[in-house]
């Protein structure tokens, strides 16, 4: 998969996945009485899932870029 395909997937799929996630959350809030009785806990879980996913993706990408930068600098020093 080249970078254009990855970008197109990111631009198209991310909002759709977000809409599906919100729809699932709203459906659960309407249909499940336990979630309605404990809004603070369920809201925290509902917010933390995408936040943790985004944070882990960001950290993984940053670590990959950092490693690539260090490797290129190390090869320049050796040459």
N, C-alpha and C. Protein backbone atom coordinates (compact mmCIF):
# COMPACT_ATOMS: atom_id res chain seq x y z
N UNK A 1 0.85 -1.17 0.00
CA UNK A 1 0.00 0.00 0.00
C UNK A 1 0.90 1.24 0.00
N UNK A 2 0.74 2.08 -1.01
CA UNK A 2 1.59 3.27 -1.08
C UNK A 2 1.01 4.40 -0.21
N UNK A 3 1.73 5.50 -0.13
CA UNK A 3 1.34 6.57 0.79
C UNK A 3 0.04 7.25 0.38
N UNK A 4 -0.25 7.32 -0.93
CA UNK A 4 -1.51 7.92 -1.37
C UNK A 4 -2.71 7.07 -0.93
N UNK A 5 -2.56 5.75 -1.03
CA UNK A 5 -3.63 4.87 -0.59
C UNK A 5 -3.84 4.96 0.92
N UNK A 6 -2.74 5.04 1.66
CA UNK A 6 -2.85 5.17 3.11
C UNK A 6 -3.54 6.47 3.49
N UNK A 7 -3.20 7.56 2.79
CA UNK A 7 -3.81 8.85 3.09
C UNK A 7 -5.30 8.83 2.75
N UNK A 8 -5.65 8.23 1.62
CA UNK A 8 -7.06 8.14 1.23
C UNK A 8 -7.84 7.32 2.25
N UNK A 9 -7.25 6.23 2.71
CA UNK A 9 -7.89 5.41 3.73
C UNK A 9 -8.08 6.21 5.01
N UNK A 10 -7.08 6.98 5.39
CA UNK A 10 -7.15 7.80 6.60
C UNK A 10 -8.26 8.85 6.48
N UNK A 11 -8.33 9.51 5.33
CA UNK A 11 -9.30 10.59 5.15
C UNK A 11 -10.73 10.04 5.06
N UNK A 12 -10.91 8.90 4.43
CA UNK A 12 -12.26 8.35 4.24
C UNK A 12 -12.70 7.49 5.43
N UNK A 13 -11.82 6.64 5.90
CA UNK A 13 -12.22 5.66 6.91
C UNK A 13 -12.32 6.24 8.31
N UNK A 14 -11.49 7.19 8.65
CA UNK A 14 -11.49 7.72 10.02
C UNK A 14 -12.84 8.35 10.41
N UNK A 15 -13.41 9.22 9.58
CA UNK A 15 -14.73 9.76 9.96
C UNK A 15 -15.82 8.69 10.00
N UNK A 16 -15.76 7.73 9.10
CA UNK A 16 -16.78 6.67 9.10
C UNK A 16 -16.67 5.82 10.35
N UNK A 17 -15.45 5.48 10.74
CA UNK A 17 -15.25 4.70 11.96
C UNK A 17 -15.72 5.51 13.18
N UNK A 18 -15.47 6.80 13.17
CA UNK A 18 -15.94 7.67 14.26
C UNK A 18 -17.46 7.71 14.35
N UNK A 19 -18.11 7.79 13.20
CA UNK A 19 -19.58 7.79 13.19
C UNK A 19 -20.14 6.46 13.70
N UNK A 20 -19.52 5.38 13.27
CA UNK A 20 -19.97 4.06 13.75
C UNK A 20 -19.77 3.94 15.25
N UNK A 21 -18.63 4.41 15.74
CA UNK A 21 -18.35 4.36 17.18
C UNK A 21 -19.37 5.19 17.96
N UNK A 22 -19.67 6.38 17.47
CA UNK A 22 -20.66 7.21 18.15
C UNK A 22 -22.05 6.56 18.11
N UNK A 23 -22.38 5.97 16.98
CA UNK A 23 -23.66 5.28 16.87
C UNK A 23 -23.77 4.13 17.84
N UNK A 24 -22.69 3.37 17.98
CA UNK A 24 -22.68 2.26 18.95
C UNK A 24 -22.83 2.81 20.37
N UNK A 25 -22.13 3.89 20.68
CA UNK A 25 -22.22 4.49 22.01
C UNK A 25 -23.61 5.00 22.32
N UNK A 26 -24.24 5.67 21.37
CA UNK A 26 -25.59 6.19 21.58
C UNK A 26 -26.59 5.04 21.72
N UNK A 27 -26.42 4.00 20.89
CA UNK A 27 -27.30 2.84 20.98
C UNK A 27 -27.17 2.16 22.34
N UNK A 28 -25.94 2.02 22.81
CA UNK A 28 -25.75 1.42 24.13
C UNK A 28 -26.36 2.28 25.23
N UNK A 29 -26.24 3.60 25.11
CA UNK A 29 -26.81 4.48 26.12
C UNK A 29 -28.33 4.42 26.14
N UNK A 30 -28.93 4.22 24.99
CA UNK A 30 -30.39 4.14 24.91
C UNK A 30 -30.88 2.79 25.42
N UNK A 31 -30.19 1.72 25.04
CA UNK A 31 -30.73 0.38 25.30
C UNK A 31 -30.26 -0.26 26.60
N UNK A 32 -29.14 0.18 27.17
CA UNK A 32 -28.59 -0.49 28.35
C UNK A 32 -28.83 0.37 29.59
N UNK A 33 -29.57 -0.19 30.54
CA UNK A 33 -29.91 0.57 31.74
C UNK A 33 -28.70 0.78 32.66
N UNK A 34 -27.77 -0.17 32.68
CA UNK A 34 -26.58 -0.04 33.52
C UNK A 34 -25.75 1.18 33.10
N UNK A 35 -25.63 1.40 31.81
CA UNK A 35 -24.86 2.55 31.32
C UNK A 35 -25.56 3.85 31.70
N UNK A 36 -26.89 3.85 31.67
CA UNK A 36 -27.62 5.06 32.07
C UNK A 36 -27.52 5.32 33.57
N UNK A 37 -27.41 4.27 34.36
CA UNK A 37 -27.32 4.44 35.81
C UNK A 37 -25.93 4.89 36.27
N UNK A 38 -24.91 4.63 35.46
CA UNK A 38 -23.53 5.00 35.81
C UNK A 38 -22.92 5.83 34.67
N UNK A 39 -23.40 7.07 34.50
CA UNK A 39 -22.94 7.87 33.37
C UNK A 39 -21.48 8.30 33.45
N UNK A 40 -20.98 8.53 34.66
CA UNK A 40 -19.60 8.97 34.79
C UNK A 40 -18.62 7.87 34.37
N UNK A 41 -18.87 6.67 34.82
CA UNK A 41 -17.99 5.54 34.48
C UNK A 41 -18.10 5.21 32.99
N UNK A 42 -19.33 5.11 32.49
CA UNK A 42 -19.50 4.74 31.08
C UNK A 42 -18.98 5.85 30.16
N UNK A 43 -19.18 7.11 30.55
CA UNK A 43 -18.65 8.21 29.74
C UNK A 43 -17.14 8.23 29.71
N UNK A 44 -16.53 7.93 30.86
CA UNK A 44 -15.07 7.87 30.93
C UNK A 44 -14.53 6.76 30.03
N UNK A 45 -15.15 5.61 30.10
CA UNK A 45 -14.72 4.50 29.23
C UNK A 45 -14.93 4.85 27.77
N UNK A 46 -16.07 5.48 27.46
CA UNK A 46 -16.39 5.86 26.08
C UNK A 46 -15.37 6.87 25.53
N UNK A 47 -14.87 7.75 26.38
CA UNK A 47 -13.88 8.74 25.94
C UNK A 47 -12.47 8.14 25.89
N UNK A 48 -12.15 7.27 26.85
CA UNK A 48 -10.79 6.73 26.92
C UNK A 48 -10.44 5.78 25.77
N UNK A 49 -11.40 5.06 25.25
CA UNK A 49 -11.10 4.10 24.18
C UNK A 49 -10.48 4.80 22.96
N UNK A 50 -11.11 5.82 22.37
CA UNK A 50 -10.46 6.47 21.21
C UNK A 50 -9.20 7.25 21.60
N UNK A 51 -9.18 7.82 22.82
CA UNK A 51 -8.00 8.56 23.25
C UNK A 51 -6.79 7.64 23.35
N UNK A 52 -6.96 6.48 23.98
CA UNK A 52 -5.85 5.55 24.12
C UNK A 52 -5.41 4.99 22.78
N UNK A 53 -6.35 4.75 21.90
CA UNK A 53 -6.02 4.28 20.55
C UNK A 53 -5.20 5.33 19.80
N UNK A 54 -5.63 6.59 19.87
CA UNK A 54 -4.90 7.67 19.19
C UNK A 54 -3.53 7.89 19.82
N UNK A 55 -3.45 7.85 21.14
CA UNK A 55 -2.17 8.07 21.81
C UNK A 55 -1.18 6.95 21.48
N UNK A 56 -1.64 5.72 21.46
CA UNK A 56 -0.73 4.62 21.14
C UNK A 56 -0.27 4.70 19.68
N UNK A 57 -1.16 5.09 18.79
CA UNK A 57 -0.79 5.25 17.39
C UNK A 57 0.25 6.36 17.24
N UNK A 58 0.01 7.48 17.93
CA UNK A 58 0.93 8.62 17.87
C UNK A 58 2.31 8.25 18.42
N UNK A 59 2.34 7.58 19.55
CA UNK A 59 3.62 7.21 20.16
C UNK A 59 4.36 6.21 19.29
N UNK A 60 3.64 5.24 18.73
CA UNK A 60 4.28 4.25 17.86
C UNK A 60 4.88 4.92 16.62
N UNK A 61 4.14 5.86 16.01
CA UNK A 61 4.65 6.55 14.83
C UNK A 61 5.84 7.44 15.18
N UNK A 62 5.78 8.10 16.34
CA UNK A 62 6.90 8.94 16.76
C UNK A 62 8.14 8.11 17.04
N UNK A 63 7.97 6.96 17.66
CA UNK A 63 9.12 6.10 17.93
C UNK A 63 9.72 5.57 16.64
N UNK A 64 8.88 5.24 15.68
CA UNK A 64 9.37 4.76 14.40
C UNK A 64 10.15 5.86 13.68
N UNK A 65 9.63 7.07 13.68
CA UNK A 65 10.34 8.19 13.05
C UNK A 65 11.64 8.50 13.76
N UNK A 66 11.63 8.44 15.09
CA UNK A 66 12.84 8.69 15.87
C UNK A 66 13.91 7.66 15.56
N UNK A 67 13.51 6.39 15.48
CA UNK A 67 14.47 5.33 15.16
C UNK A 67 15.04 5.49 13.76
N UNK A 68 14.20 5.87 12.81
CA UNK A 68 14.68 6.07 11.44
C UNK A 68 15.65 7.25 11.37
N UNK A 69 15.38 8.31 12.13
CA UNK A 69 16.27 9.47 12.15
C UNK A 69 17.62 9.10 12.75
N UNK A 70 17.60 8.36 13.84
CA UNK A 70 18.85 7.95 14.49
C UNK A 70 19.67 7.03 13.59
N UNK A 71 19.02 6.14 12.90
CA UNK A 71 19.74 5.22 12.01
C UNK A 71 20.40 5.97 10.86
N UNK A 72 19.69 6.96 10.31
CA UNK A 72 20.27 7.71 9.21
C UNK A 72 21.45 8.57 9.69
N UNK A 73 21.34 9.12 10.90
CA UNK A 73 22.43 9.92 11.46
C UNK A 73 23.63 9.04 11.79
N UNK A 74 23.39 7.83 12.28
CA UNK A 74 24.47 6.90 12.59
C UNK A 74 25.20 6.48 11.33
N UNK A 75 24.47 6.26 10.25
CA UNK A 75 25.12 5.85 8.99
C UNK A 75 25.93 7.00 8.41
N UNK A 76 25.46 8.25 8.60
CA UNK A 76 26.23 9.40 8.12
C UNK A 76 27.52 9.57 8.92
N UNK A 77 27.47 9.31 10.20
CA UNK A 77 28.65 9.45 11.04
C UNK A 77 29.69 8.39 10.67
N UNK A 78 29.24 7.16 10.39
CA UNK A 78 30.16 6.09 10.05
C UNK A 78 30.81 6.31 8.68
N UNK A 79 30.11 7.00 7.80
CA UNK A 79 30.67 7.23 6.45
C UNK A 79 31.59 8.41 6.54
